[in-house]
C-alpha atoms as a PDB file:
ATOM      1  CA  MET A   1      -0.004  -0.007   0.000  1.00  0.00           C
ATOM      2  CA  ALA A   2       1.164   3.539  -0.718  1.00  0.00           C
ATOM      3  CA  PRO A   3       2.324   5.632   2.215  1.00  0.00           C
ATOM      4  CA  LEU A   4      -0.504   7.597   3.793  1.00  0.00           C
ATOM      5  CA  ASP A   5       1.150  10.915   2.991  1.00  0.00           C
ATOM      6  CA  VAL A   6       0.723  10.446  -0.791  1.00  0.00           C
ATOM      7  CA  GLU A   7      -2.819   9.101  -0.886  1.00  0.00           C
ATOM      8  CA  THR A   8      -6.123  10.846  -0.228  1.00  0.00           C
ATOM      9  CA  THR A   9      -9.337   9.129   0.755  1.00  0.00           C
ATOM     10  CA  MET A  10     -12.887  10.401   0.372  1.00  0.00           C
ATOM     11  CA  HIS A  11     -16.047   8.767   1.756  1.00  0.00           C
ATOM     12  CA  ARG A  12     -19.566   9.576   0.684  1.00  0.00           C
ATOM     13  CA  LEU A  13     -23.004   8.244   1.538  1.00  0.00           C
ATOM     14  CA  VAL A  14     -25.192   7.849  -1.559  1.00  0.00           C
ATOM     15  CA  LEU A  15     -28.488   9.576  -0.775  1.00  0.00           C
ATOM     16  CA  PRO A  16     -31.795   9.490  -2.649  1.00  0.00           C
ATOM     17  CA  ARG A  17     -31.026  12.926  -4.109  1.00  0.00           C
ATOM     18  CA  ASP A  18     -27.884  11.377  -5.695  1.00  0.00           C
ATOM     19  CA  ALA A  19     -29.799   8.636  -7.489  1.00  0.00           C
ATOM     20  CA  ASN A  20     -31.193   8.124 -10.939  1.00  0.00           C
ATOM     21  CA  HIS A  21     -34.569   6.531 -11.744  1.00  0.00           C
ATOM     22  CA  HIS A  22     -33.009   3.066 -11.151  1.00  0.00           C
ATOM     23  CA  GLY A  23     -32.172   3.915  -7.529  1.00  0.00           C
ATOM     24  CA  THR A  24     -28.438   3.948  -8.215  1.00  0.00           C
ATOM     25  CA  LEU A  25     -25.811   6.680  -8.270  1.00  0.00           C
ATOM     26  CA  TYR A  26     -26.595   9.210 -11.025  1.00  0.00           C
ATOM     27  CA  ALA A  27     -23.744   9.769 -13.507  1.00  0.00           C
ATOM     28  CA  GLY A  28     -23.654  13.533 -12.900  1.00  0.00           C
ATOM     29  CA  VAL A  29     -23.199  13.036  -9.166  1.00  0.00           C
ATOM     30  CA  LEU A  30     -20.548  10.386  -9.836  1.00  0.00           C
ATOM     31  CA  LEU A  31     -18.623  12.885 -11.980  1.00  0.00           C
ATOM     32  CA  SER A  32     -18.902  15.526  -9.276  1.00  0.00           C
ATOM     33  CA  MET A  33     -17.650  13.094  -6.591  1.00  0.00           C
ATOM     34  CA  ALA A  34     -14.750  11.981  -8.803  1.00  0.00           C
ATOM     35  CA  LEU A  35     -13.763  15.581  -9.540  1.00  0.00           C
ATOM     36  CA  GLU A  36     -13.802  16.468  -5.836  1.00  0.00           C
ATOM     37  CA  ALA A  37     -11.658  13.435  -4.982  1.00  0.00           C
ATOM     38  CA  GLY A  38      -9.333  14.155  -7.918  1.00  0.00           C
ATOM     39  CA  TYR A  39      -8.866  17.789  -6.969  1.00  0.00           C
ATOM     40  CA  ALA A  40      -8.138  16.841  -3.352  1.00  0.00           C
ATOM     41  CA  ALA A  41      -5.472  14.371  -4.482  1.00  0.00           C
ATOM     42  CA  ALA A  42      -3.917  16.863  -6.903  1.00  0.00           C
ATOM     43  CA  TYR A  43      -3.972  19.668  -4.318  1.00  0.00           C
ATOM     44  CA  ARG A  44      -2.250  17.456  -1.764  1.00  0.00           C
ATOM     45  CA  ALA A  45       0.383  16.467  -4.343  1.00  0.00           C
ATOM     46  CA  ALA A  46       0.983  20.067  -5.463  1.00  0.00           C
ATOM     47  CA  GLY A  47       1.342  21.489  -1.957  1.00  0.00           C
ATOM     48  CA  LEU A  48      -0.113  24.381   0.018  1.00  0.00           C
ATOM     49  CA  ASN A  49       0.455  26.938  -2.752  1.00  0.00           C
ATOM     50  CA  ALA A  50      -1.550  24.970  -5.301  1.00  0.00           C
ATOM     51  CA  ASN A  51      -3.691  26.917  -7.757  1.00  0.00           C
ATOM     52  CA  LEU A  52      -5.027  24.094  -9.906  1.00  0.00           C
ATOM     53  CA  VAL A  53      -7.581  23.807 -12.652  1.00  0.00           C
ATOM     54  CA  LEU A  54      -8.895  20.679 -14.319  1.00  0.00           C
ATOM     55  CA  LYS A  55      -7.459  20.350 -17.807  1.00  0.00           C
ATOM     56  CA  ARG A  56      -9.252  17.137 -18.752  1.00  0.00           C
ATOM     57  CA  VAL A  57     -10.676  13.881 -17.579  1.00  0.00           C
ATOM     58  CA  LEU A  58      -8.430  11.371 -19.282  1.00  0.00           C
ATOM     59  CA  ASP A  59     -10.573   8.387 -18.341  1.00  0.00           C
ATOM     60  CA  LEU A  60     -13.421   7.612 -15.973  1.00  0.00           C
ATOM     61  CA  ARG A  61     -15.013   4.189 -15.646  1.00  0.00           C
ATOM     62  CA  CYS A  62     -17.891   3.119 -13.438  1.00  0.00           C
ATOM     63  CA  HIS A  63     -17.686  -0.655 -13.093  1.00  0.00           C
ATOM     64  CA  GLU A  64     -20.531  -1.287 -10.648  1.00  0.00           C
ATOM     65  CA  PRO A  65     -23.844   0.472  -9.938  1.00  0.00           C
ATOM     66  CA  VAL A  66     -23.998   1.972  -6.488  1.00  0.00           C
ATOM     67  CA  ALA A  67     -27.318   1.767  -4.649  1.00  0.00           C
ATOM     68  CA  ILE A  68     -28.827   4.384  -2.371  1.00  0.00           C
ATOM     69  CA  GLY A  69     -27.603   3.947   1.193  1.00  0.00           C
ATOM     70  CA  ARG A  70     -24.130   2.702   0.309  1.00  0.00           C
ATOM     71  CA  VAL A  71     -21.046   4.454   1.597  1.00  0.00           C
ATOM     72  CA  VAL A  72     -18.414   4.615  -1.119  1.00  0.00           C
ATOM     73  CA  GLU A  73     -14.730   5.236  -0.763  1.00  0.00           C
ATOM     74  CA  ILE A  74     -12.523   6.854  -3.416  1.00  0.00           C
ATOM     75  CA  ARG A  75      -8.764   6.753  -2.989  1.00  0.00           C
ATOM     76  CA  GLY A  76      -6.564   9.051  -5.033  1.00  0.00           C
ATOM     77  CA  ARG A  77      -2.925   9.819  -5.665  1.00  0.00           C
ATOM     78  CA  GLU A  78      -0.557  11.478  -8.129  1.00  0.00           C
ATOM     79  CA  VAL A  79       0.712   9.048 -10.766  1.00  0.00           C
ATOM     80  CA  PHE A  80       2.455  11.467 -13.167  1.00  0.00           C
ATOM     81  CA  ARG A  81       3.890  14.981 -13.001  1.00  0.00           C
ATOM     82  CA  ALA A  82       5.300  17.329 -15.616  1.00  0.00           C
ATOM     83  CA  ARG A  83       6.375  20.984 -15.370  1.00  0.00           C
ATOM     84  CA  ALA A  84       2.930  22.463 -14.676  1.00  0.00           C
ATOM     85  CA  GLN A  85       0.671  19.428 -14.584  1.00  0.00           C
ATOM     86  CA  ILE A  86      -0.307  16.611 -12.275  1.00  0.00           C
ATOM     87  CA  VAL A  87      -2.206  13.499 -13.324  1.00  0.00           C
ATOM     88  CA  VAL A  88      -4.058  11.808 -10.489  1.00  0.00           C
ATOM     89  CA  ALA A  89      -5.545   8.343 -10.441  1.00  0.00           C
ATOM     90  CA  LEU A  90      -8.698   7.468  -8.554  1.00  0.00           C
ATOM     91  CA  HIS A  91      -9.669   4.039  -7.275  1.00  0.00           C
ATOM     92  CA  GLY A  92     -13.135   3.313  -5.957  1.00  0.00           C
ATOM     93  CA  THR A  93     -12.523   0.753  -3.218  1.00  0.00           C
ATOM     94  CA  PRO A  94     -14.516  -2.409  -4.017  1.00  0.00           C
ATOM     95  CA  LEU A  95     -18.033  -2.471  -2.682  1.00  0.00           C
ATOM     96  CA  TYR A  96     -19.219  -5.124  -0.265  1.00  0.00           C
ATOM     97  CA  ALA A  97     -18.750  -8.661  -1.658  1.00  0.00           C
ATOM     98  CA  GLN A  98     -16.913  -7.380  -4.752  1.00  0.00           C
ATOM     99  CA  SER A  99     -13.285  -7.864  -5.656  1.00  0.00           C
ATOM    100  CA  SER A 100     -12.896  -5.149  -8.289  1.00  0.00           C
ATOM    101  CA  PRO A 101     -13.195  -1.367  -7.915  1.00  0.00           C
ATOM    102  CA  TRP A 102     -16.564   0.257  -8.503  1.00  0.00           C
ATOM    103  CA  LEU A 103     -14.837   3.215 -10.171  1.00  0.00           C
ATOM    104  CA  ASP A 104     -11.461   4.191 -11.546  1.00  0.00           C
ATOM    105  CA  ALA A 105     -10.419   7.429 -13.167  1.00  0.00           C
ATOM    106  CA  LEU A 106      -7.543   9.556 -14.402  1.00  0.00           C
ATOM    107  CA  MET A 107      -7.629  13.362 -14.286  1.00  0.00           C
ATOM    108  CA  GLN A 108      -5.128  15.933 -15.482  1.00  0.00           C
ATOM    109  CA  PHE A 109      -4.783  19.151 -13.493  1.00  0.00           C
ATOM    110  CA  VAL A 110      -2.673  22.192 -14.361  1.00  0.00           C
ATOM    111  CA  GLN A 111      -1.091  24.683 -11.994  1.00  0.00           C
ATOM    112  CA  VAL A 112      -1.966  28.215 -13.157  1.00  0.00           C
ATOM    113  CA  ASP A 113      -0.825  31.733 -12.348  1.00  0.00           C
ATOM    114  CA  ASP A 114      -3.062  34.743 -11.595  1.00  0.00           C
ATOM    115  CA  ARG A 115      -3.832  35.180 -15.307  1.00  0.00           C
ATOM    116  CA  GLY A 116      -4.864  31.534 -15.732  1.00  0.00           C
ATOM    117  CA  ARG A 117      -1.709  30.581 -17.656  1.00  0.00           C
ATOM    118  CA  PRO A 118       0.263  27.387 -16.861  1.00  0.00           C
ATOM    119  CA  ASP A 119       2.739  27.939 -14.051  1.00  0.00           C
ATOM    120  CA  ALA A 120       5.519  25.592 -12.950  1.00  0.00           C
ATOM    121  CA  LEU A 121       4.835  23.442  -9.948  1.00  0.00           C
ATOM    122  CA  ALA A 122       7.139  23.600  -6.963  1.00  0.00           C
ATOM    123  CA  GLU A 123      10.151  21.353  -7.408  1.00  0.00           C
ATOM    124  CA  LEU A 124       9.566  17.930  -5.920  1.00  0.00           C
ATOM    125  CA  GLU A 125      11.274  14.662  -6.526  1.00  0.00           C
ATOM    126  CA  SER A 126       9.826  13.050  -9.619  1.00  0.00           C
ATOM    127  CA  ASN A 127       7.884   9.856  -9.036  1.00  0.00           C
ATOM    128  CA  ASP A 128       8.095   8.734 -12.667  1.00  0.00           C
ATOM    129  CA  ALA A 129      10.689   6.055 -11.916  1.00  0.00           C
ATOM    130  CA  GLU A 130       9.009   4.945  -8.688  1.00  0.00           C
ATOM    131  CA  VAL A 131       7.410   1.525  -8.913  1.00  0.00           C
ATOM    132  CA  LEU A 132       3.900   1.852  -7.580  1.00  0.00           C
ATOM    133  CA  GLU A 133       1.851  -0.875  -5.995  1.00  0.00           C
ATOM    134  CA  PRO A 134      -1.526  -1.939  -7.385  1.00  0.00           C
ATOM    135  CA  PRO A 135      -3.755  -0.355  -8.411  1.00  0.00           C
ATOM    136  CA  TRP A 136      -1.589   2.733  -8.971  1.00  0.00           C
ATOM    137  CA  GLU A 137       0.987   1.267 -11.365  1.00  0.00           C
ATOM    138  CA  ASN A 138      -1.686   0.012 -13.790  1.00  0.00           C
ATOM    139  CA  LEU A 139      -3.456   3.347 -13.653  1.00  0.00           C
ATOM    140  CA  ARG A 140      -0.185   5.228 -14.298  1.00  0.00           C
ATOM    141  CA  GLU A 141       0.493   3.024 -17.351  1.00  0.00           C
ATOM    142  CA  ARG A 142      -3.019   3.774 -18.667  1.00  0.00           C
ATOM    143  CA  ALA A 143      -2.484   7.508 -18.031  1.00  0.00           C
ATOM    144  CA  LEU A 144       0.787   7.555 -19.969  1.00  0.00           C
ATOM    145  CA  LYS A 145      -0.865   5.812 -22.920  1.00  0.00           C
ATOM    146  CA  LEU A 146      -3.774   8.263 -22.895  1.00  0.00           C
ATOM    147  CA  LEU A 147      -1.493  11.291 -22.602  1.00  0.00           C
ATOM    148  CA  ALA A 148       0.488  10.083 -25.621  1.00  0.00           C
ATOM    149  CA  ILE A 149      -2.703   9.633 -27.685  1.00  0.00           C
ATOM    150  CA  ARG A 150      -4.214  12.974 -26.724  1.00  0.00           C
ATOM    151  CA  ASN A 151      -1.128  15.159 -27.133  1.00  0.00           C
END
């Protein structure tokens, strides 16, 4: 498992107001939850002077429907960093009696200056050569493939 200082965790109870007509988590609420978890992970990775904006959602997959009344957990961490950008991975901890995540996602955030232009992140040791434990290494590999395609 990754050290606690590099991972963020978010918990959320799925309420009736969060549900679609099937009684499961509505896609719009899922996106909002994922963005909140992604921003928190990116902010933590960037440091106290972070001024981040979402550049793009590289990938977001919902693998299991989530019923009203369930408490979900989303773990997040930085998996890639460049001069002014951070890519975070999200992992929806498996729901009860499941072995696979209910959600996984990759989001690219950019550090910006007061005019909204890209601004270099504070110098930190690069984690690009670090071998990550599951699920982070697989998500980093997916992120690098998607960044290559979309650039």
